[in-house]
Amino acid sequence: MPTHADTWLVVPLYNEAPVIGEVVTGALGTFANIVCVDDGSVDASADAAEDAGAVVIRHATNLGQGAALQTGIDFVLHQTDARYLVTFDADGQHQVSDAADMVRRAREEDLAVVFGSRFLDNRTKAGFLKRLVLKTAVWVTNQSTGLRLTDAHNGLRVIRRDAAAGVHLRQDRMAHASEIVLQLGRTRLPWAEHPVHVLYTDYSKGKGQSLWNAVNILVELMFR
């Protein structure tokens, strides 16, 4: 039976019809509450997520991942009484077991935010060049936010309700990942990083987890 009844998974969704059903089904065994924010997909992503058991919110047009994430956060804050929300990617690269461990840690240590990090252990195989670019992006983010993270652009995060109330994303593209770190840091609430395994598949790489995408993130951070 699912646990974590006071937790919602928030899943930004854009053109992930081949995998989103499996992602939702796999997560429902642990998390009973999942909201997918379909960001103007032109395939059957929304229907697949809904058929698998998720609540689906639809954007009429593609607004960007930051906007989809904010819509999901607003839904959880205003339409549920959840104590925690988990931001979770739609392409199958995040592990449900990691998300569950992070929620448990938030409870046990009274943490308002738990950031997933792929660089705290050796499970994630990112490749040398991508690791270098992501580490550079971490340095840029840390300089601008004042936090000291090892992985600033990991989409797997646990956010307690009081911390989520301080998130008001304006960056719609990938720079929202630094913006959310900045805003969560400004809450002054307790946080920690937790080791996670990001699974890079041929599918996820094709959907934007390539080295070129990492370079684009870095450029966007430096020139926004």
N, C-alpha and C. Protein backbone atom coordinates (compact mmCIF):
# COMPACT_ATOMS: atom_id res chain seq x y z
N MET A 1 0.84 -1.20 0.00
CA MET A 1 0.00 0.00 0.00
C MET A 1 0.87 1.24 0.00
N PRO A 2 0.43 2.31 -0.70
CA PRO A 2 1.20 3.55 -0.70
C PRO A 2 1.34 4.12 0.71
N THR A 3 2.48 4.74 0.94
CA THR A 3 2.72 5.46 2.18
C THR A 3 2.78 6.95 1.87
N HIS A 4 3.23 7.74 2.82
CA HIS A 4 3.40 9.18 2.60
C HIS A 4 2.10 9.82 2.11
N ALA A 5 1.02 9.59 2.85
CA ALA A 5 -0.28 10.11 2.46
C ALA A 5 -0.34 11.62 2.49
N ASP A 6 0.59 12.26 3.22
CA ASP A 6 0.59 13.72 3.32
C ASP A 6 1.55 14.37 2.32
N THR A 7 1.91 13.61 1.26
CA THR A 7 2.90 14.07 0.29
C THR A 7 2.33 13.98 -1.13
N TRP A 8 2.61 14.99 -1.94
CA TRP A 8 2.24 14.98 -3.35
C TRP A 8 3.49 15.04 -4.22
N LEU A 9 3.54 14.18 -5.24
CA LEU A 9 4.55 14.31 -6.29
C LEU A 9 4.07 15.34 -7.30
N VAL A 10 4.94 16.28 -7.65
CA VAL A 10 4.65 17.29 -8.66
C VAL A 10 5.53 17.00 -9.87
N VAL A 11 4.89 16.69 -10.99
CA VAL A 11 5.62 16.22 -12.18
C VAL A 11 5.35 17.14 -13.36
N PRO A 12 6.29 18.02 -13.72
CA PRO A 12 6.15 18.78 -14.96
C PRO A 12 6.20 17.82 -16.15
N LEU A 13 5.32 18.03 -17.11
CA LEU A 13 5.14 17.03 -18.17
C LEU A 13 5.07 17.72 -19.52
N TYR A 14 5.95 17.30 -20.44
CA TYR A 14 5.91 17.83 -21.81
C TYR A 14 6.35 16.75 -22.78
N ASN A 15 5.42 16.28 -23.58
CA ASN A 15 5.70 15.29 -24.63
C ASN A 15 6.45 14.06 -24.10
N GLU A 16 5.88 13.42 -23.08
CA GLU A 16 6.49 12.22 -22.50
C GLU A 16 5.56 11.02 -22.60
N ALA A 17 4.71 10.99 -23.63
CA ALA A 17 3.71 9.92 -23.75
C ALA A 17 4.31 8.51 -23.70
N PRO A 18 5.51 8.25 -24.25
CA PRO A 18 6.01 6.88 -24.22
C PRO A 18 6.32 6.35 -22.82
N VAL A 19 6.57 7.24 -21.86
CA VAL A 19 7.06 6.76 -20.55
C VAL A 19 6.24 7.23 -19.36
N ILE A 20 5.43 8.27 -19.50
CA ILE A 20 4.80 8.86 -18.32
C ILE A 20 3.85 7.89 -17.61
N GLY A 21 3.17 7.03 -18.35
CA GLY A 21 2.29 6.06 -17.71
C GLY A 21 3.06 5.15 -16.77
N GLU A 22 4.20 4.67 -17.23
CA GLU A 22 5.04 3.80 -16.41
C GLU A 22 5.60 4.55 -15.20
N VAL A 23 5.99 5.83 -15.41
CA VAL A 23 6.52 6.64 -14.31
C VAL A 23 5.45 6.81 -13.22
N VAL A 24 4.24 7.15 -13.63
CA VAL A 24 3.15 7.35 -12.66
C VAL A 24 2.81 6.04 -11.96
N THR A 25 2.66 4.97 -12.73
CA THR A 25 2.32 3.67 -12.14
C THR A 25 3.38 3.23 -11.14
N GLY A 26 4.64 3.42 -11.49
CA GLY A 26 5.72 3.03 -10.59
C GLY A 26 5.73 3.84 -9.31
N ALA A 27 5.37 5.12 -9.39
CA ALA A 27 5.39 5.97 -8.21
C ALA A 27 4.18 5.73 -7.32
N LEU A 28 3.05 5.36 -7.90
CA LEU A 28 1.82 5.19 -7.13
C LEU A 28 1.92 4.08 -6.08
N GLY A 29 2.85 3.18 -6.26
CA GLY A 29 3.04 2.15 -5.26
C GLY A 29 3.57 2.69 -3.94
N THR A 30 4.17 3.89 -4.00
CA THR A 30 4.73 4.52 -2.81
C THR A 30 4.02 5.81 -2.45
N PHE A 31 3.67 6.59 -3.46
CA PHE A 31 3.02 7.88 -3.27
C PHE A 31 1.63 7.85 -3.91
N ALA A 32 0.61 7.97 -3.09
CA ALA A 32 -0.76 7.87 -3.59
C ALA A 32 -1.20 9.13 -4.33
N ASN A 33 -0.48 10.24 -4.11
CA ASN A 33 -0.91 11.53 -4.65
C ASN A 33 0.11 12.06 -5.65
N ILE A 34 -0.30 12.16 -6.91
CA ILE A 34 0.58 12.64 -7.97
C ILE A 34 -0.18 13.64 -8.82
N VAL A 35 0.42 14.81 -9.04
CA VAL A 35 -0.15 15.77 -9.99
C VAL A 35 0.86 15.98 -11.11
N CYS A 36 0.42 15.77 -12.33
CA CYS A 36 1.22 16.04 -13.52
C CYS A 36 0.72 17.32 -14.16
N VAL A 37 1.62 18.24 -14.43
CA VAL A 37 1.25 19.49 -15.09
C VAL A 37 1.68 19.38 -16.54
N ASP A 38 0.69 19.14 -17.41
CA ASP A 38 0.99 18.98 -18.83
C ASP A 38 1.18 20.36 -19.45
N ASP A 39 2.40 20.63 -19.90
CA ASP A 39 2.78 21.96 -20.35
C ASP A 39 2.61 22.11 -21.86
N GLY A 40 1.37 21.94 -22.32
CA GLY A 40 1.09 22.13 -23.73
C GLY A 40 1.61 21.03 -24.62
N SER A 41 1.65 19.80 -24.12
CA SER A 41 2.14 18.68 -24.94
C SER A 41 1.32 18.54 -26.22
N VAL A 42 1.99 18.09 -27.28
CA VAL A 42 1.30 17.86 -28.55
C VAL A 42 1.11 16.36 -28.80
N ASP A 43 1.48 15.55 -27.80
CA ASP A 43 1.22 14.11 -27.91
C ASP A 43 0.17 13.73 -26.85
N ALA A 44 0.09 12.47 -26.52
CA ALA A 44 -0.94 11.98 -25.60
C ALA A 44 -0.46 11.92 -24.16
N SER A 45 0.51 12.76 -23.80
CA SER A 45 1.07 12.72 -22.45
C SER A 45 0.02 12.87 -21.37
N ALA A 46 -0.84 13.87 -21.50
CA ALA A 46 -1.84 14.16 -20.46
C ALA A 46 -2.77 12.97 -20.26
N ASP A 47 -3.26 12.41 -21.36
CA ASP A 47 -4.17 11.27 -21.27
C ASP A 47 -3.47 10.06 -20.64
N ALA A 48 -2.22 9.84 -21.01
CA ALA A 48 -1.48 8.70 -20.46
C ALA A 48 -1.28 8.85 -18.97
N ALA A 49 -0.96 10.07 -18.52
CA ALA A 49 -0.77 10.31 -17.09
C ALA A 49 -2.08 10.13 -16.33
N GLU A 50 -3.16 10.64 -16.90
CA GLU A 50 -4.46 10.53 -16.26
C GLU A 50 -4.92 9.07 -16.19
N ASP A 51 -4.74 8.33 -17.29
CA ASP A 51 -5.12 6.92 -17.31
C ASP A 51 -4.34 6.11 -16.28
N ALA A 52 -3.09 6.55 -16.01
CA ALA A 52 -2.26 5.81 -15.05
C ALA A 52 -2.62 6.13 -13.60
N GLY A 53 -3.41 7.19 -13.38
CA GLY A 53 -3.87 7.49 -12.03
C GLY A 53 -3.45 8.82 -11.45
N ALA A 54 -2.81 9.67 -12.26
CA ALA A 54 -2.40 10.98 -11.76
C ALA A 54 -3.51 12.01 -11.94
N VAL A 55 -3.50 13.02 -11.08
CA VAL A 55 -4.28 14.23 -11.34
C VAL A 55 -3.53 15.01 -12.41
N VAL A 56 -4.23 15.51 -13.42
CA VAL A 56 -3.57 16.22 -14.51
C VAL A 56 -4.11 17.63 -14.62
N ILE A 57 -3.19 18.59 -14.64
CA ILE A 57 -3.51 19.99 -14.93
C ILE A 57 -2.90 20.31 -16.28
N ARG A 58 -3.67 20.97 -17.14
CA ARG A 58 -3.21 21.22 -18.50
C ARG A 58 -2.95 22.71 -18.74
N HIS A 59 -1.75 23.03 -19.25
CA HIS A 59 -1.49 24.34 -19.81
C HIS A 59 -1.92 24.32 -21.27
N ALA A 60 -2.62 25.36 -21.70
CA ALA A 60 -3.10 25.40 -23.08
C ALA A 60 -1.95 25.50 -24.08
N THR A 61 -0.86 26.16 -23.67
CA THR A 61 0.32 26.30 -24.51
C THR A 61 1.56 25.97 -23.69
N ASN A 62 2.66 25.75 -24.37
CA ASN A 62 3.91 25.43 -23.69
C ASN A 62 4.50 26.68 -23.05
N LEU A 63 4.59 26.68 -21.72
CA LEU A 63 5.08 27.84 -20.97
C LEU A 63 6.48 27.64 -20.42
N GLY A 64 6.98 26.42 -20.41
CA GLY A 64 8.30 26.14 -19.87
C GLY A 64 8.23 25.37 -18.56
N GLN A 65 9.32 24.68 -18.25
CA GLN A 65 9.32 23.80 -17.08
C GLN A 65 9.14 24.56 -15.78
N GLY A 66 9.71 25.76 -15.68
CA GLY A 66 9.54 26.54 -14.47
C GLY A 66 8.08 26.88 -14.21
N ALA A 67 7.37 27.27 -15.27
CA ALA A 67 5.95 27.60 -15.13
C ALA A 67 5.14 26.37 -14.75
N ALA A 68 5.47 25.22 -15.34
CA ALA A 68 4.76 23.99 -15.00
C ALA A 68 4.99 23.62 -13.54
N LEU A 69 6.22 23.78 -13.09
CA LEU A 69 6.53 23.48 -11.70
C LEU A 69 5.76 24.40 -10.75
N GLN A 70 5.70 25.69 -11.10
CA GLN A 70 4.97 26.62 -10.24
C GLN A 70 3.48 26.29 -10.20
N THR A 71 2.91 25.91 -11.33
CA THR A 71 1.50 25.50 -11.34
C THR A 71 1.27 24.32 -10.42
N GLY A 72 2.18 23.34 -10.43
CA GLY A 72 2.04 22.19 -9.56
C GLY A 72 2.18 22.55 -8.09
N ILE A 73 3.12 23.42 -7.78
CA ILE A 73 3.30 23.86 -6.40
C ILE A 73 2.06 24.60 -5.92
N ASP A 74 1.52 25.49 -6.76
CA ASP A 74 0.32 26.23 -6.39
C ASP A 74 -0.86 25.28 -6.16
N PHE A 75 -0.98 24.26 -6.99
CA PHE A 75 -2.06 23.28 -6.80
C PHE A 75 -1.95 22.62 -5.43
N VAL A 76 -0.77 22.16 -5.09
CA VAL A 76 -0.59 21.48 -3.81
C VAL A 76 -0.90 22.41 -2.64
N LEU A 77 -0.44 23.66 -2.74
CA LEU A 77 -0.65 24.60 -1.64
C LEU A 77 -2.11 25.01 -1.48
N HIS A 78 -2.81 25.15 -2.59
CA HIS A 78 -4.16 25.73 -2.54
C HIS A 78 -5.28 24.70 -2.64
N GLN A 79 -4.97 23.50 -3.13
CA GLN A 79 -6.02 22.51 -3.32
C GLN A 79 -5.86 21.27 -2.44
N THR A 80 -4.80 21.20 -1.67
CA THR A 80 -4.58 20.05 -0.80
C THR A 80 -4.10 20.54 0.56
N ASP A 81 -4.05 19.63 1.52
CA ASP A 81 -3.49 19.96 2.83
C ASP A 81 -2.16 19.24 3.04
N ALA A 82 -1.47 18.93 1.95
CA ALA A 82 -0.21 18.18 2.02
C ALA A 82 0.82 18.89 2.88
N ARG A 83 1.61 18.10 3.58
CA ARG A 83 2.72 18.66 4.37
C ARG A 83 3.99 18.76 3.53
N TYR A 84 4.15 17.85 2.57
CA TYR A 84 5.34 17.84 1.71
C TYR A 84 4.93 17.72 0.25
N LEU A 85 5.78 18.26 -0.62
CA LEU A 85 5.67 17.96 -2.04
C LEU A 85 7.04 17.54 -2.54
N VAL A 86 7.04 16.73 -3.56
CA VAL A 86 8.27 16.23 -4.18
C VAL A 86 8.26 16.62 -5.64
N THR A 87 9.26 17.37 -6.10
CA THR A 87 9.38 17.65 -7.53
C THR A 87 10.09 16.46 -8.17
N PHE A 88 9.51 15.97 -9.26
CA PHE A 88 9.91 14.67 -9.81
C PHE A 88 9.82 14.73 -11.33
N ASP A 89 10.86 14.31 -12.02
CA ASP A 89 10.88 14.40 -13.48
C ASP A 89 10.01 13.33 -14.13
N ALA A 90 9.55 13.65 -15.34
CA ALA A 90 8.59 12.78 -16.03
C ALA A 90 9.24 11.73 -16.93
N ASP A 91 10.55 11.81 -17.11
CA ASP A 91 11.19 10.96 -18.13
C ASP A 91 11.77 9.66 -17.60
N GLY A 92 11.54 9.36 -16.32
CA GLY A 92 12.01 8.10 -15.78
C GLY A 92 13.41 8.10 -15.21
N GLN A 93 14.04 9.27 -15.12
CA GLN A 93 15.42 9.29 -14.64
C GLN A 93 15.52 9.32 -13.12
N HIS A 94 14.43 9.68 -12.42
CA HIS A 94 14.45 9.70 -10.96
C HIS A 94 13.94 8.39 -10.38
N GLN A 95 14.44 8.05 -9.20
CA GLN A 95 14.09 6.80 -8.55
C GLN A 95 13.08 7.08 -7.43
N VAL A 96 11.98 6.35 -7.44
CA VAL A 96 10.95 6.52 -6.41
C VAL A 96 11.54 6.23 -5.03
N SER A 97 12.42 5.24 -4.95
CA SER A 97 13.03 4.90 -3.65
C SER A 97 13.83 6.07 -3.10
N ASP A 98 14.51 6.82 -3.96
CA ASP A 98 15.24 8.01 -3.50
C ASP A 98 14.27 9.05 -2.96
N ALA A 99 13.17 9.27 -3.67
CA ALA A 99 12.18 10.25 -3.22
C ALA A 99 11.62 9.86 -1.85
N ALA A 100 11.33 8.58 -1.67
CA ALA A 100 10.79 8.12 -0.39
C ALA A 100 11.81 8.29 0.73
N ASP A 101 13.06 7.98 0.45
CA ASP A 101 14.11 8.16 1.45
C ASP A 101 14.25 9.64 1.83
N MET A 102 14.12 10.52 0.86
CA MET A 102 14.25 11.96 1.12
C MET A 102 13.10 12.48 1.97
N VAL A 103 11.89 11.98 1.72
CA VAL A 103 10.75 12.39 2.54
C VAL A 103 10.93 11.89 3.97
N ARG A 104 11.38 10.65 4.11
CA ARG A 104 11.62 10.13 5.45
C ARG A 104 12.67 10.95 6.18
N ARG A 105 13.71 11.34 5.48
CA ARG A 105 14.75 12.16 6.11
C ARG A 105 14.20 13.52 6.53
N ALA A 106 13.37 14.12 5.69
CA ALA A 106 12.76 15.39 6.05
C ALA A 106 11.96 15.28 7.33
N ARG A 107 11.22 14.18 7.46
CA ARG A 107 10.43 13.97 8.68
C ARG A 107 11.34 13.78 9.90
N GLU A 108 12.29 12.88 9.76
CA GLU A 108 13.11 12.49 10.91
C GLU A 108 14.01 13.62 11.39
N GLU A 109 14.50 14.45 10.47
CA GLU A 109 15.43 15.52 10.83
C GLU A 109 14.76 16.89 10.86
N ASP A 110 13.44 16.93 10.69
CA ASP A 110 12.68 18.18 10.70
C ASP A 110 13.26 19.17 9.69
N LEU A 111 13.45 18.70 8.47
CA LEU A 111 14.01 19.53 7.39
C LEU A 111 12.89 20.10 6.53
N ALA A 112 13.05 21.33 6.12
CA ALA A 112 12.07 21.96 5.24
C ALA A 112 12.34 21.67 3.78
N VAL A 113 13.60 21.41 3.44
CA VAL A 113 13.98 21.13 2.06
C VAL A 113 15.04 20.04 2.06
N VAL A 114 14.88 19.07 1.16
CA VAL A 114 15.93 18.09 0.90
C VAL A 114 16.21 18.12 -0.59
N PHE A 115 17.42 18.51 -0.94
CA PHE A 115 17.85 18.57 -2.34
C PHE A 115 18.50 17.25 -2.73
N GLY A 116 18.08 16.66 -3.83
CA GLY A 116 18.76 15.48 -4.34
C GLY A 116 20.08 15.86 -4.98
N SER A 117 21.10 15.04 -4.77
CA SER A 117 22.40 15.28 -5.40
C SER A 117 22.93 14.01 -6.02
N ARG A 118 23.28 14.10 -7.29
CA ARG A 118 23.86 12.94 -7.99
C ARG A 118 25.36 12.85 -7.78
N PHE A 119 25.94 13.80 -7.03
CA PHE A 119 27.39 13.85 -6.86
C PHE A 119 27.84 13.49 -5.45
N LEU A 120 26.93 12.99 -4.61
CA LEU A 120 27.31 12.57 -3.26
C LEU A 120 27.70 11.10 -3.19
N ASP A 121 27.45 10.35 -4.26
CA ASP A 121 27.96 8.98 -4.36
C ASP A 121 28.28 8.70 -5.82
N ASN A 122 28.61 7.48 -6.13
CA ASN A 122 29.10 7.14 -7.46
C ASN A 122 28.10 6.40 -8.33
N ARG A 123 26.82 6.42 -7.96
CA ARG A 123 25.83 5.64 -8.71
C ARG A 123 25.50 6.26 -10.06
N THR A 124 25.50 7.59 -10.15
CA THR A 124 25.10 8.26 -11.39
C THR A 124 26.29 8.35 -12.34
N LYS A 125 26.10 7.91 -13.56
CA LYS A 125 27.16 7.93 -14.57
C LYS A 125 26.88 9.06 -15.55
N ALA A 126 27.38 10.24 -15.22
CA ALA A 126 27.08 11.42 -16.02
C ALA A 126 28.05 11.65 -17.16
N GLY A 127 29.23 11.07 -17.10
CA GLY A 127 30.24 11.33 -18.10
C GLY A 127 31.09 12.53 -17.69
N PHE A 128 32.35 12.51 -18.09
CA PHE A 128 33.29 13.53 -17.61
C PHE A 128 32.89 14.94 -18.03
N LEU A 129 32.58 15.14 -19.33
CA LEU A 129 32.30 16.49 -19.80
C LEU A 129 31.00 17.04 -19.20
N LYS A 130 29.98 16.20 -19.13
CA LYS A 130 28.73 16.67 -18.53
C LYS A 130 28.93 16.97 -17.06
N ARG A 131 29.66 16.13 -16.37
CA ARG A 131 29.93 16.37 -14.95
C ARG A 131 30.66 17.70 -14.78
N LEU A 132 31.61 17.98 -15.67
CA LEU A 132 32.36 19.24 -15.59
C LEU A 132 31.44 20.44 -15.78
N VAL A 133 30.57 20.37 -16.78
CA VAL A 133 29.65 21.47 -17.04
C VAL A 133 28.68 21.66 -15.87
N LEU A 134 28.15 20.57 -15.35
CA LEU A 134 27.21 20.66 -14.23
C LEU A 134 27.89 21.18 -12.98
N LYS A 135 29.13 20.78 -12.74
CA LYS A 135 29.86 21.30 -11.59
C LYS A 135 30.10 22.80 -11.72
N THR A 136 30.35 23.25 -12.96
CA THR A 136 30.51 24.69 -13.19
C THR A 136 29.20 25.42 -12.92
N ALA A 137 28.08 24.81 -13.35
CA ALA A 137 26.77 25.41 -13.08
C ALA A 137 26.50 25.47 -11.59
N VAL A 138 26.94 24.45 -10.84
CA VAL A 138 26.79 24.46 -9.39
C VAL A 138 27.54 25.65 -8.80
N TRP A 139 28.76 25.87 -9.27
CA TRP A 139 29.56 26.99 -8.74
C TRP A 139 28.87 28.32 -9.00
N VAL A 140 28.34 28.49 -10.22
CA VAL A 140 27.64 29.74 -10.56
C VAL A 140 26.42 29.91 -9.66
N THR A 141 25.65 28.84 -9.48
CA THR A 141 24.46 28.91 -8.65
C THR A 141 24.81 29.22 -7.20
N ASN A 142 25.83 28.57 -6.68
CA ASN A 142 26.23 28.81 -5.29
C ASN A 142 26.67 30.24 -5.07
N GLN A 143 27.34 30.82 -6.07
CA GLN A 143 27.76 32.21 -5.94
C GLN A 143 26.56 33.15 -5.87
N SER A 144 25.52 32.84 -6.62
CA SER A 144 24.37 33.74 -6.69
C SER A 144 23.36 33.52 -5.57
N THR A 145 23.35 32.31 -4.98
CA THR A 145 22.34 32.00 -3.96
C THR A 145 22.88 32.03 -2.54
N GLY A 146 24.17 31.87 -2.39
CA GLY A 146 24.74 31.82 -1.05
C GLY A 146 24.69 30.45 -0.41
N LEU A 147 24.02 29.48 -1.04
CA LEU A 147 24.00 28.12 -0.53
C LEU A 147 25.22 27.37 -1.06
N ARG A 148 25.52 26.26 -0.44
CA ARG A 148 26.66 25.46 -0.86
C ARG A 148 26.18 24.05 -1.20
N LEU A 149 25.67 23.92 -2.41
CA LEU A 149 25.17 22.64 -2.88
C LEU A 149 26.23 21.94 -3.72
N THR A 150 26.10 20.61 -3.82
CA THR A 150 26.96 19.87 -4.72
C THR A 150 26.30 19.62 -6.07
N ASP A 151 24.97 19.83 -6.13
CA ASP A 151 24.22 19.56 -7.37
C ASP A 151 23.01 20.50 -7.42
N ALA A 152 23.18 21.62 -8.10
CA ALA A 152 22.14 22.65 -8.08
C ALA A 152 21.04 22.42 -9.10
N HIS A 153 21.25 21.54 -10.07
CA HIS A 153 20.28 21.36 -11.15
C HIS A 153 19.70 19.95 -11.18
N ASN A 154 19.44 19.42 -10.02
CA ASN A 154 18.77 18.14 -9.89
C ASN A 154 17.30 18.41 -9.62
N GLY A 155 16.42 17.86 -10.45
CA GLY A 155 15.00 18.14 -10.32
C GLY A 155 14.30 17.40 -9.21
N LEU A 156 14.99 16.50 -8.51
CA LEU A 156 14.39 15.74 -7.41
C LEU A 156 14.62 16.50 -6.11
N ARG A 157 13.52 17.02 -5.54
CA ARG A 157 13.59 17.80 -4.31
C ARG A 157 12.37 17.47 -3.44
N VAL A 158 12.55 17.49 -2.14
CA VAL A 158 11.44 17.43 -1.20
C VAL A 158 11.30 18.82 -0.58
N ILE A 159 10.09 19.36 -0.60
CA ILE A 159 9.86 20.70 -0.09
C ILE A 159 8.68 20.66 0.88
N ARG A 160 8.92 21.07 2.11
CA ARG A 160 7.85 21.13 3.09
C ARG A 160 6.91 22.30 2.78
N ARG A 161 5.70 22.22 3.26
CA ARG A 161 4.68 23.20 2.90
C ARG A 161 5.10 24.64 3.18
N ASP A 162 5.70 24.88 4.35
CA ASP A 162 6.08 26.25 4.69
C ASP A 162 7.16 26.78 3.77
N ALA A 163 8.06 25.91 3.32
CA ALA A 163 9.09 26.34 2.37
C ALA A 163 8.50 26.56 0.99
N ALA A 164 7.57 25.69 0.58
CA ALA A 164 6.95 25.82 -0.74
C ALA A 164 6.20 27.14 -0.88
N ALA A 165 5.67 27.65 0.23
CA ALA A 165 4.95 28.93 0.19
C ALA A 165 5.86 30.09 -0.19
N GLY A 166 7.17 29.89 -0.06
CA GLY A 166 8.12 30.93 -0.43
C GLY A 166 8.62 30.84 -1.86
N VAL A 167 8.07 29.92 -2.65
CA VAL A 167 8.51 29.72 -4.03
C VAL A 167 7.56 30.43 -4.98
N HIS A 168 8.11 31.36 -5.76
CA HIS A 168 7.34 32.10 -6.76
C HIS A 168 8.21 32.21 -8.02
N LEU A 169 8.21 31.16 -8.82
CA LEU A 169 9.12 31.09 -9.96
C LEU A 169 8.72 32.03 -11.07
N ARG A 170 9.70 32.74 -11.60
CA ARG A 170 9.50 33.63 -12.75
C ARG A 170 10.29 33.17 -13.97
N GLN A 171 11.34 32.38 -13.72
CA GLN A 171 12.15 31.84 -14.81
C GLN A 171 11.45 30.60 -15.36
N ASP A 172 10.98 30.68 -16.60
CA ASP A 172 10.22 29.58 -17.15
C ASP A 172 11.10 28.47 -17.72
N ARG A 173 12.31 28.82 -18.16
CA ARG A 173 13.17 27.81 -18.77
C ARG A 173 14.04 27.15 -17.70
N MET A 174 15.20 26.61 -18.07
CA MET A 174 15.97 25.80 -17.14
C MET A 174 16.58 26.62 -16.01
N ALA A 175 16.70 27.93 -16.14
CA ALA A 175 17.26 28.74 -15.07
C ALA A 175 16.37 28.74 -13.83
N HIS A 176 15.15 28.21 -13.95
CA HIS A 176 14.30 28.12 -12.76
C HIS A 176 14.94 27.25 -11.69
N ALA A 177 15.82 26.33 -12.08
CA ALA A 177 16.46 25.45 -11.10
C ALA A 177 17.34 26.24 -10.14
N SER A 178 17.99 27.29 -10.62
CA SER A 178 18.75 28.16 -9.74
C SER A 178 17.83 29.10 -8.97
N GLU A 179 16.76 29.54 -9.62
CA GLU A 179 15.82 30.44 -8.97
C GLU A 179 15.16 29.77 -7.77
N ILE A 180 14.79 28.51 -7.89
CA ILE A 180 14.14 27.83 -6.78
C ILE A 180 15.11 27.63 -5.62
N VAL A 181 16.38 27.37 -5.93
CA VAL A 181 17.38 27.27 -4.87
C VAL A 181 17.50 28.60 -4.12
N LEU A 182 17.56 29.69 -4.88
CA LEU A 182 17.66 31.01 -4.27
C LEU A 182 16.46 31.29 -3.36
N GLN A 183 15.27 31.01 -3.85
CA GLN A 183 14.07 31.32 -3.07
C GLN A 183 13.94 30.42 -1.85
N LEU A 184 14.29 29.16 -1.97
CA LEU A 184 14.24 28.27 -0.82
C LEU A 184 15.30 28.67 0.21
N GLY A 185 16.46 29.10 -0.26
CA GLY A 185 17.50 29.56 0.66
C GLY A 185 17.06 30.79 1.44
N ARG A 186 16.31 31.66 0.80
CA ARG A 186 15.87 32.89 1.47
C ARG A 186 14.86 32.62 2.59
N THR A 187 14.24 31.45 2.60
CA THR A 187 13.31 31.14 3.68
C THR A 187 14.03 30.94 5.01
N ARG A 188 15.35 30.67 4.97
CA ARG A 188 16.15 30.41 6.17
C ARG A 188 15.71 29.17 6.93
N LEU A 189 14.96 28.31 6.25
CA LEU A 189 14.51 27.07 6.88
C LEU A 189 15.58 25.99 6.71
N PRO A 190 15.59 24.99 7.58
CA PRO A 190 16.65 23.97 7.53
C PRO A 190 16.58 23.10 6.28
N TRP A 191 17.74 22.79 5.73
CA TRP A 191 17.80 22.00 4.50
C TRP A 191 18.99 21.05 4.57
N ALA A 192 18.99 20.10 3.65
CA ALA A 192 20.11 19.17 3.51
C ALA A 192 20.12 18.65 2.08
N GLU A 193 21.25 18.06 1.70
CA GLU A 193 21.34 17.32 0.43
C GLU A 193 21.30 15.82 0.74
N HIS A 194 20.81 15.07 -0.24
CA HIS A 194 20.69 13.62 -0.07
C HIS A 194 21.17 12.95 -1.35
N PRO A 195 21.98 11.90 -1.27
CA PRO A 195 22.46 11.23 -2.48
C PRO A 195 21.34 10.53 -3.24
N VAL A 196 21.30 10.73 -4.55
CA VAL A 196 20.29 10.09 -5.39
C VAL A 196 20.96 9.53 -6.64
N HIS A 197 20.26 8.60 -7.26
CA HIS A 197 20.74 7.99 -8.50
C HIS A 197 19.91 8.53 -9.67
N VAL A 198 20.53 9.31 -10.52
CA VAL A 198 19.89 9.78 -11.75
C VAL A 198 20.24 8.79 -12.85
N LEU A 199 19.22 8.17 -13.43
CA LEU A 199 19.43 7.11 -14.42
C LEU A 199 19.31 7.71 -15.82
N TYR A 200 20.44 7.83 -16.50
CA TYR A 200 20.44 8.35 -17.87
C TYR A 200 20.21 7.21 -18.86
N THR A 201 19.11 7.27 -19.55
CA THR A 201 18.80 6.28 -20.58
C THR A 201 18.89 6.95 -21.95
N ASP A 202 18.85 6.15 -23.00
CA ASP A 202 18.84 6.73 -24.35
C ASP A 202 17.63 7.66 -24.50
N TYR A 203 16.51 7.26 -23.89
CA TYR A 203 15.30 8.09 -23.99
C TYR A 203 15.49 9.42 -23.28
N SER A 204 15.97 9.41 -22.03
CA SER A 204 16.11 10.66 -21.28
C SER A 204 17.14 11.57 -21.92
N LYS A 205 18.21 10.99 -22.47
CA LYS A 205 19.21 11.80 -23.16
C LYS A 205 18.59 12.49 -24.37
N GLY A 206 17.76 11.76 -25.09
CA GLY A 206 17.10 12.33 -26.25
C GLY A 206 16.10 13.41 -25.90
N LYS A 207 15.61 13.38 -24.64
CA LYS A 207 14.62 14.36 -24.19
C LYS A 207 15.25 15.57 -23.51
N GLY A 208 16.59 15.70 -23.55
CA GLY A 208 17.18 16.92 -23.02
C GLY A 208 18.22 16.72 -21.96
N GLN A 209 18.68 15.49 -21.72
CA GLN A 209 19.70 15.26 -20.71
C GLN A 209 21.07 15.09 -21.36
N SER A 210 21.24 15.64 -22.55
CA SER A 210 22.50 15.52 -23.25
C SER A 210 23.51 16.54 -22.72
N LEU A 211 24.77 16.38 -23.13
CA LEU A 211 25.80 17.35 -22.78
C LEU A 211 25.44 18.73 -23.30
N TRP A 212 24.89 18.79 -24.52
CA TRP A 212 24.53 20.08 -25.10
C TRP A 212 23.50 20.80 -24.25
N ASN A 213 22.56 20.06 -23.69
CA ASN A 213 21.56 20.68 -22.83
C ASN A 213 22.21 21.23 -21.57
N ALA A 214 23.18 20.51 -21.02
CA ALA A 214 23.88 21.00 -19.83
C ALA A 214 24.61 22.30 -20.15
N VAL A 215 25.22 22.38 -21.34
CA VAL A 215 25.88 23.62 -21.75
C VAL A 215 24.86 24.75 -21.87
N ASN A 216 23.70 24.47 -22.43
CA ASN A 216 22.65 25.49 -22.54
C ASN A 216 22.23 26.01 -21.18
N ILE A 217 22.13 25.12 -20.20
CA ILE A 217 21.78 25.53 -18.84
C ILE A 217 22.83 26.50 -18.31
N LEU A 218 24.10 26.16 -18.50
CA LEU A 218 25.16 27.01 -18.01
C LEU A 218 25.13 28.38 -18.68
N VAL A 219 24.96 28.41 -19.99
CA VAL A 219 24.88 29.67 -20.70
C VAL A 219 23.72 30.51 -20.21
N GLU A 220 22.56 29.87 -20.01
CA GLU A 220 21.39 30.59 -19.54
C GLU A 220 21.62 31.19 -18.15
N LEU A 221 22.33 30.45 -17.30
CA LEU A 221 22.62 30.95 -15.96
C LEU A 221 23.53 32.17 -16.01
N MET A 222 24.51 32.14 -16.88
CA MET A 222 25.53 33.18 -16.90
C MET A 222 25.04 34.46 -17.57
N PHE A 223 24.03 34.34 -18.45
CA PHE A 223 23.63 35.50 -19.22
C PHE A 223 22.17 35.87 -19.03
N ARG A 224 21.52 35.34 -18.01
CA ARG A 224 20.12 35.69 -17.78
C ARG A 224 20.03 37.09 -17.18
